[in-house]
C-alpha atoms as a PDB file:
ATOM      1  CA  MET A   1      57.404 -92.892 -12.089  1.00  0.00           C
ATOM      2  CA  PHE A   2      57.776 -90.544  -9.081  1.00  0.00           C
ATOM      3  CA  PHE A   3      60.723 -88.171  -9.465  1.00  0.00           C
ATOM      4  CA  PHE A   4      62.201 -87.440  -6.059  1.00  0.00           C
ATOM      5  CA  ASP A   5      64.512 -84.404  -6.009  1.00  0.00           C
ATOM      6  CA  SER A   6      65.930 -82.277  -3.182  1.00  0.00           C
ATOM      7  CA  SER A   7      63.006 -79.856  -3.304  1.00  0.00           C
ATOM      8  CA  SER A   8      60.501 -82.697  -2.943  1.00  0.00           C
ATOM      9  CA  ALA A   9      62.503 -84.104  -0.059  1.00  0.00           C
ATOM     10  CA  ALA A  10      62.404 -80.735   1.738  1.00  0.00           C
ATOM     11  CA  ASP A  11      58.633 -80.455   1.243  1.00  0.00           C
ATOM     12  CA  LEU A  12      58.119 -83.981   2.503  1.00  0.00           C
ATOM     13  CA  ARG A  13      60.204 -83.314   5.607  1.00  0.00           C
ATOM     14  CA  SER A  14      58.142 -80.169   6.340  1.00  0.00           C
ATOM     15  CA  ALA A  15      54.952 -82.182   6.000  1.00  0.00           C
ATOM     16  CA  ASP A  16      56.287 -84.865   8.347  1.00  0.00           C
ATOM     17  CA  LEU A  17      57.159 -82.263  10.971  1.00  0.00           C
ATOM     18  CA  LEU A  18      53.685 -80.754  10.758  1.00  0.00           C
ATOM     19  CA  VAL A  19      52.015 -84.146  11.077  1.00  0.00           C
ATOM     20  CA  ALA A  20      54.227 -85.053  14.034  1.00  0.00           C
ATOM     21  CA  HIS A  21      53.359 -81.806  15.772  1.00  0.00           C
ATOM     22  CA  GLN A  22      49.646 -82.359  15.248  1.00  0.00           C
ATOM     23  CA  ARG A  23      49.872 -85.913  16.565  1.00  0.00           C
ATOM     24  CA  ARG A  24      51.516 -84.671  19.752  1.00  0.00           C
ATOM     25  CA  ALA A  25      48.766 -82.082  20.168  1.00  0.00           C
ATOM     26  CA  LEU A  26      45.644 -84.004  19.184  1.00  0.00           C
ATOM     27  CA  GLY A  27      46.649 -87.643  18.769  1.00  0.00           C
ATOM     28  CA  PRO A  28      47.158 -89.792  15.648  1.00  0.00           C
ATOM     29  CA  VAL A  29      45.692 -88.298  12.482  1.00  0.00           C
ATOM     30  CA  VAL A  30      45.965 -88.852   8.743  1.00  0.00           C
ATOM     31  CA  SER A  31      46.489 -86.064   6.215  1.00  0.00           C
ATOM     32  CA  HIS A  32      46.020 -86.139   2.467  1.00  0.00           C
ATOM     33  CA  ARG A  33      47.085 -82.577   1.721  1.00  0.00           C
ATOM     34  CA  THR A  34      50.158 -80.866   3.098  1.00  0.00           C
ATOM     35  CA  GLY A  35      48.583 -77.442   2.567  1.00  0.00           C
ATOM     36  CA  TRP A  36      45.642 -78.420   4.769  1.00  0.00           C
ATOM     37  CA  TRP A  37      48.062 -79.319   7.559  1.00  0.00           C
ATOM     38  CA  ARG A  38      49.891 -76.038   7.257  1.00  0.00           C
ATOM     39  CA  ARG A  39      46.678 -74.064   7.614  1.00  0.00           C
ATOM     40  CA  LEU A  40      45.443 -76.237  10.472  1.00  0.00           C
ATOM     41  CA  VAL A  41      48.624 -75.930  12.514  1.00  0.00           C
ATOM     42  CA  ARG A  42      49.015 -72.216  11.847  1.00  0.00           C
ATOM     43  CA  HIS A  43      45.506 -71.293  12.971  1.00  0.00           C
ATOM     44  CA  ALA A  44      45.561 -73.718  15.886  1.00  0.00           C
ATOM     45  CA  ASP A  45      48.787 -72.326  17.282  1.00  0.00           C
ATOM     46  CA  LEU A  46      48.581 -68.568  16.697  1.00  0.00           C
ATOM     47  CA  PRO A  47      46.125 -66.073  18.246  1.00  0.00           C
ATOM     48  CA  TRP A  48      44.355 -63.349  16.267  1.00  0.00           C
ATOM     49  CA  THR A  49      47.123 -60.895  17.128  1.00  0.00           C
ATOM     50  CA  ALA A  50      49.404 -62.711  14.658  1.00  0.00           C
ATOM     51  CA  ASP A  51      47.340 -61.266  11.795  1.00  0.00           C
ATOM     52  CA  HIS A  52      46.889 -57.771  13.256  1.00  0.00           C
ATOM     53  CA  GLU A  53      49.463 -55.224  12.145  1.00  0.00           C
ATOM     54  CA  LEU A  54      49.464 -53.456  15.504  1.00  0.00           C
ATOM     55  CA  PHE A  55      51.331 -56.454  16.940  1.00  0.00           C
ATOM     56  CA  ASP A  56      53.712 -57.034  14.045  1.00  0.00           C
ATOM     57  CA  GLY A  57      57.138 -58.248  15.179  1.00  0.00           C
ATOM     58  CA  LEU A  58      56.071 -59.722  18.520  1.00  0.00           C
ATOM     59  CA  SER A  59      57.262 -63.204  19.429  1.00  0.00           C
ATOM     60  CA  ARG A  60      54.833 -66.111  19.595  1.00  0.00           C
ATOM     61  CA  THR A  61      54.724 -65.697  23.388  1.00  0.00           C
ATOM     62  CA  GLY A  62      54.194 -61.963  22.998  1.00  0.00           C
ATOM     63  CA  LEU A  63      51.318 -62.459  20.559  1.00  0.00           C
ATOM     64  CA  ALA A  64      49.599 -64.808  22.994  1.00  0.00           C
ATOM     65  CA  GLY A  65      50.176 -62.431  25.915  1.00  0.00           C
ATOM     66  CA  ALA A  66      48.796 -59.465  23.998  1.00  0.00           C
ATOM     67  CA  ALA A  67      45.708 -61.435  22.960  1.00  0.00           C
ATOM     68  CA  GLN A  68      44.949 -62.157  26.628  1.00  0.00           C
ATOM     69  CA  ARG A  69      44.397 -58.438  27.237  1.00  0.00           C
ATOM     70  CA  PHE A  70      41.370 -58.439  24.919  1.00  0.00           C
ATOM     71  CA  THR A  71      37.905 -59.922  24.602  1.00  0.00           C
ATOM     72  CA  VAL A  72      36.907 -60.847  21.041  1.00  0.00           C
ATOM     73  CA  ARG A  73      33.410 -59.911  19.889  1.00  0.00           C
ATOM     74  CA  ASP A  74      31.402 -60.246  16.683  1.00  0.00           C
ATOM     75  CA  VAL A  75      29.432 -57.118  15.766  1.00  0.00           C
ATOM     76  CA  HIS A  76      26.834 -56.472  13.067  1.00  0.00           C
ATOM     77  CA  PRO A  77      26.025 -53.726  10.533  1.00  0.00           C
ATOM     78  CA  GLY A  78      24.140 -50.823  12.056  1.00  0.00           C
ATOM     79  CA  GLN A  79      25.512 -51.457  15.539  1.00  0.00           C
ATOM     80  CA  SER A  80      27.070 -48.454  17.275  1.00  0.00           C
ATOM     81  CA  LEU A  81      30.418 -48.865  19.009  1.00  0.00           C
ATOM     82  CA  GLY A  82      30.402 -45.413  20.544  1.00  0.00           C
ATOM     83  CA  VAL A  83      28.856 -41.979  20.120  1.00  0.00           C
ATOM     84  CA  GLN A  84      30.802 -38.723  19.987  1.00  0.00           C
ATOM     85  CA  GLY A  85      30.771 -36.928  23.327  1.00  0.00           C
ATOM     86  CA  GLU A  86      29.802 -39.975  25.361  1.00  0.00           C
ATOM     87  CA  PRO A  87      32.175 -41.536  27.915  1.00  0.00           C
ATOM     88  CA  ARG A  88      34.285 -44.347  26.537  1.00  0.00           C
ATOM     89  CA  GLY A  89      36.454 -46.754  28.475  1.00  0.00           C
ATOM     90  CA  GLU A  90      37.427 -49.349  25.878  1.00  0.00           C
ATOM     91  CA  PHE A  91      40.184 -49.729  23.320  1.00  0.00           C
ATOM     92  CA  VAL A  92      39.130 -51.541  20.146  1.00  0.00           C
ATOM     93  CA  ALA A  93      41.339 -53.418  17.677  1.00  0.00           C
ATOM     94  CA  ILE A  94      39.622 -54.374  14.416  1.00  0.00           C
ATOM     95  CA  ILE A  95      40.359 -57.978  13.486  1.00  0.00           C
ATOM     96  CA  GLU A  96      38.232 -57.942  10.347  1.00  0.00           C
ATOM     97  CA  GLY A  97      35.448 -55.768   9.012  1.00  0.00           C
ATOM     98  CA  ARG A  98      34.713 -52.089   8.395  1.00  0.00           C
ATOM     99  CA  ILE A  99      33.919 -49.408  10.967  1.00  0.00           C
ATOM    100  CA  GLY A 100      32.678 -46.007   9.825  1.00  0.00           C
ATOM    101  CA  VAL A 101      33.922 -42.886  11.601  1.00  0.00           C
ATOM    102  CA  SER A 102      31.868 -39.691  11.704  1.00  0.00           C
ATOM    103  CA  ILE A 103      32.580 -36.377  13.416  1.00  0.00           C
ATOM    104  CA  ASP A 104      29.845 -33.834  14.136  1.00  0.00           C
ATOM    105  CA  GLY A 105      27.494 -35.957  12.032  1.00  0.00           C
ATOM    106  CA  ALA A 106      29.718 -35.975   8.923  1.00  0.00           C
ATOM    107  CA  PRO A 107      31.545 -39.120   7.675  1.00  0.00           C
ATOM    108  CA  HIS A 108      35.310 -38.821   7.895  1.00  0.00           C
ATOM    109  CA  ALA A 109      36.861 -42.274   7.510  1.00  0.00           C
ATOM    110  CA  VAL A 110      36.415 -46.022   7.307  1.00  0.00           C
ATOM    111  CA  LEU A 111      38.638 -48.154   9.544  1.00  0.00           C
ATOM    112  CA  ASP A 112      39.251 -51.743   8.473  1.00  0.00           C
ATOM    113  CA  ASP A 113      41.375 -54.829   9.253  1.00  0.00           C
ATOM    114  CA  GLY A 114      44.440 -53.982  11.318  1.00  0.00           C
ATOM    115  CA  SER A 115      43.243 -50.598  12.555  1.00  0.00           C
ATOM    116  CA  HIS A 116      42.145 -49.523  16.028  1.00  0.00           C
ATOM    117  CA  PHE A 117      40.321 -46.757  17.883  1.00  0.00           C
ATOM    118  CA  GLY A 118      39.400 -45.600  21.368  1.00  0.00           C
ATOM    119  CA  ALA A 119      42.945 -44.907  22.542  1.00  0.00           C
ATOM    120  CA  ILE A 120      42.713 -41.115  22.863  1.00  0.00           C
ATOM    121  CA  PRO A 121      40.157 -41.026  25.715  1.00  0.00           C
ATOM    122  CA  LEU A 122      42.180 -43.651  27.594  1.00  0.00           C
ATOM    123  CA  LEU A 123      45.454 -41.796  27.081  1.00  0.00           C
ATOM    124  CA  ASP A 124      44.050 -38.435  28.199  1.00  0.00           C
ATOM    125  CA  ASP A 125      44.348 -37.470  31.842  1.00  0.00           C
ATOM    126  CA  ASP A 126      40.710 -36.368  32.024  1.00  0.00           C
ATOM    127  CA  ARG A 127      38.834 -38.432  34.607  1.00  0.00           C
ATOM    128  CA  THR A 128      35.729 -38.488  32.403  1.00  0.00           C
ATOM    129  CA  PRO A 129      37.151 -39.190  28.928  1.00  0.00           C
ATOM    130  CA  ALA A 130      34.769 -38.784  26.013  1.00  0.00           C
ATOM    131  CA  LEU A 131      34.858 -40.080  22.465  1.00  0.00           C
ATOM    132  CA  ARG A 132      35.994 -37.604  19.820  1.00  0.00           C
ATOM    133  CA  ALA A 133      33.991 -39.343  17.069  1.00  0.00           C
ATOM    134  CA  THR A 134      31.111 -41.735  16.436  1.00  0.00           C
ATOM    135  CA  PHE A 135      31.901 -45.310  15.368  1.00  0.00           C
ATOM    136  CA  ASP A 136      29.341 -47.421  13.497  1.00  0.00           C
ATOM    137  CA  VAL A 137      29.672 -50.970  12.171  1.00  0.00           C
ATOM    138  CA  MET A 138      29.335 -51.045   8.367  1.00  0.00           C
ATOM    139  CA  THR A 139      29.798 -54.764   7.619  1.00  0.00           C
ATOM    140  CA  PRO A 140      29.807 -57.955   9.724  1.00  0.00           C
ATOM    141  CA  SER A 141      32.956 -57.465  11.758  1.00  0.00           C
ATOM    142  CA  ARG A 142      35.073 -59.036  14.451  1.00  0.00           C
ATOM    143  CA  ILE A 143      36.722 -56.798  17.006  1.00  0.00           C
ATOM    144  CA  ALA A 144      38.878 -57.219  20.111  1.00  0.00           C
ATOM    145  CA  VAL A 145      38.097 -55.004  23.098  1.00  0.00           C
ATOM    146  CA  ALA A 146      40.302 -54.065  26.065  1.00  0.00           C
ATOM    147  CA  GLY A 147      39.080 -52.165  29.117  1.00  0.00           C
ATOM    148  CA  PRO A 148      41.146 -49.380  30.751  1.00  0.00           C
ATOM    149  CA  SER A 149      43.183 -51.606  33.073  1.00  0.00           C
ATOM    150  CA  GLN A 150      43.948 -54.142  30.358  1.00  0.00           C
ATOM    151  CA  PHE A 151      44.761 -51.353  27.884  1.00  0.00           C
ATOM    152  CA  HIS A 152      47.309 -49.728  30.202  1.00  0.00           C
ATOM    153  CA  ARG A 153      48.758 -53.133  31.052  1.00  0.00           C
ATOM    154  CA  LEU A 154      49.163 -53.765  27.317  1.00  0.00           C
ATOM    155  CA  LEU A 155      51.102 -50.504  26.978  1.00  0.00           C
ATOM    156  CA  ARG A 156      53.385 -51.376  29.887  1.00  0.00           C
ATOM    157  CA  GLU A 157      54.134 -54.885  28.659  1.00  0.00           C
ATOM    158  CA  PHE A 158      54.680 -54.123  24.951  1.00  0.00           C
ATOM    159  CA  PRO A 159      56.635 -50.895  24.282  1.00  0.00           C
ATOM    160  CA  ALA A 160      56.488 -51.349  20.491  1.00  0.00           C
ATOM    161  CA  VAL A 161      52.691 -51.567  20.605  1.00  0.00           C
ATOM    162  CA  GLU A 162      52.557 -48.551  22.928  1.00  0.00           C
ATOM    163  CA  TYR A 163      54.661 -46.532  20.475  1.00  0.00           C
ATOM    164  CA  ARG A 164      52.354 -47.366  17.566  1.00  0.00           C
ATOM    165  CA  ILE A 165      49.219 -46.542  19.549  1.00  0.00           C
ATOM    166  CA  ARG A 166      50.603 -43.234  20.856  1.00  0.00           C
ATOM    167  CA  SER A 167      51.896 -42.262  17.402  1.00  0.00           C
ATOM    168  CA  MET A 168      48.485 -42.779  15.822  1.00  0.00           C
ATOM    169  CA  ALA A 169      46.792 -40.949  18.703  1.00  0.00           C
ATOM    170  CA  GLN A 170      49.066 -37.948  18.098  1.00  0.00           C
ATOM    171  CA  ILE A 171      48.202 -37.901  14.383  1.00  0.00           C
ATOM    172  CA  ARG A 172      44.493 -38.148  15.082  1.00  0.00           C
ATOM    173  CA  ARG A 173      44.650 -35.381  17.696  1.00  0.00           C
ATOM    174  CA  ALA A 174      46.253 -33.144  15.059  1.00  0.00           C
ATOM    175  CA  TYR A 175      43.437 -33.961  12.666  1.00  0.00           C
ATOM    176  CA  LEU A 176      40.789 -33.184  15.275  1.00  0.00           C
ATOM    177  CA  ALA A 177      42.524 -29.892  16.052  1.00  0.00           C
ATOM    178  CA  GLY A 178      42.421 -29.076  12.344  1.00  0.00           C
ATOM    179  CA  ILE A 179      38.681 -29.690  12.235  1.00  0.00           C
ATOM    180  CA  ALA A 180      38.187 -27.405  15.247  1.00  0.00           C
ATOM    181  CA  SER A 181      40.277 -24.698  13.553  1.00  0.00           C
ATOM    182  CA  ALA A 182      38.167 -24.979  10.396  1.00  0.00           C
ATOM    183  CA  ASP A 183      34.990 -24.590  12.453  1.00  0.00           C
ATOM    184  CA  ARG A 184      36.423 -21.335  13.822  1.00  0.00           C
ATOM    185  CA  GLY A 185      37.240 -20.107  10.318  1.00  0.00           C
ATOM    186  CA  GLU A 186      40.959 -20.685  10.721  1.00  0.00           C
ATOM    187  CA  ARG A 187      43.285 -22.448   8.284  1.00  0.00           C
ATOM    188  CA  LEU A 188      42.920 -26.258   8.096  1.00  0.00           C
ATOM    189  CA  GLU A 189      46.370 -27.810   7.893  1.00  0.00           C
ATOM    190  CA  LEU A 190      45.537 -31.540   7.858  1.00  0.00           C
ATOM    191  CA  ARG A 191      42.963 -32.306   5.166  1.00  0.00           C
ATOM    192  CA  THR A 192      42.720 -36.095   5.181  1.00  0.00           C
ATOM    193  CA  PHE A 193      41.873 -38.431   8.024  1.00  0.00           C
ATOM    194  CA  PRO A 194      44.846 -40.734   8.779  1.00  0.00           C
ATOM    195  CA  ALA A 195      42.847 -43.944   8.935  1.00  0.00           C
ATOM    196  CA  HIS A 196      46.066 -45.884   8.332  1.00  0.00           C
ATOM    197  CA  LEU A 197      49.685 -45.178   9.064  1.00  0.00           C
ATOM    198  CA  GLU A 198      51.932 -46.670   6.390  1.00  0.00           C
ATOM    199  CA  GLY A 199      55.267 -48.141   7.389  1.00  0.00           C
ATOM    200  CA  LYS A 200      57.658 -50.803   6.231  1.00  0.00           C
ATOM    201  CA  ARG A 201      55.405 -53.595   7.473  1.00  0.00           C
ATOM    202  CA  ILE A 202      52.906 -51.697   9.593  1.00  0.00           C
ATOM    203  CA  ARG A 203      49.534 -50.272   8.571  1.00  0.00           C
ATOM    204  CA  LEU A 204      47.564 -49.186  11.597  1.00  0.00           C
END
């Protein structure tokens, strides 16, 4: 016998709504597992920005708009995404994977899902911005890349994202200044690389 309680009724209604939505989008279909439908609809409707902590809190429209500022690329271990001292004109958001960061030839950090890099050269007023570190792909990774015009458009359109990017850039500048001070024999104030900035729901 099938016991039908209020909880089962709610689950069934959710499944019906998901099926109805999918039928409107792709035509009549048949589902055997509600969980499969949930995953299908979620991934079909939301861009990669929905899973990236830099864009946490944006509306569905905002997530889609932010995603349009980027080009998604798959990169492979051993590939270089930029060398310290060379010009750089791209902002990179890491969708999934691991990117190693080295400064003056020494490893300093590993950036992973939800992190980003390349903002400092684009935020500086210097007409020939250069990378402050070297970035190498450590594992098969997927990244999203925005050129200068798209990057600055992203900042203008999404103040919350701009705040997070500028906050992390300020922290990283302080770290780089600490390294420079240590090279000159001065006191090093910031000893660990802030690969991630912890917040209530944000980890950049």
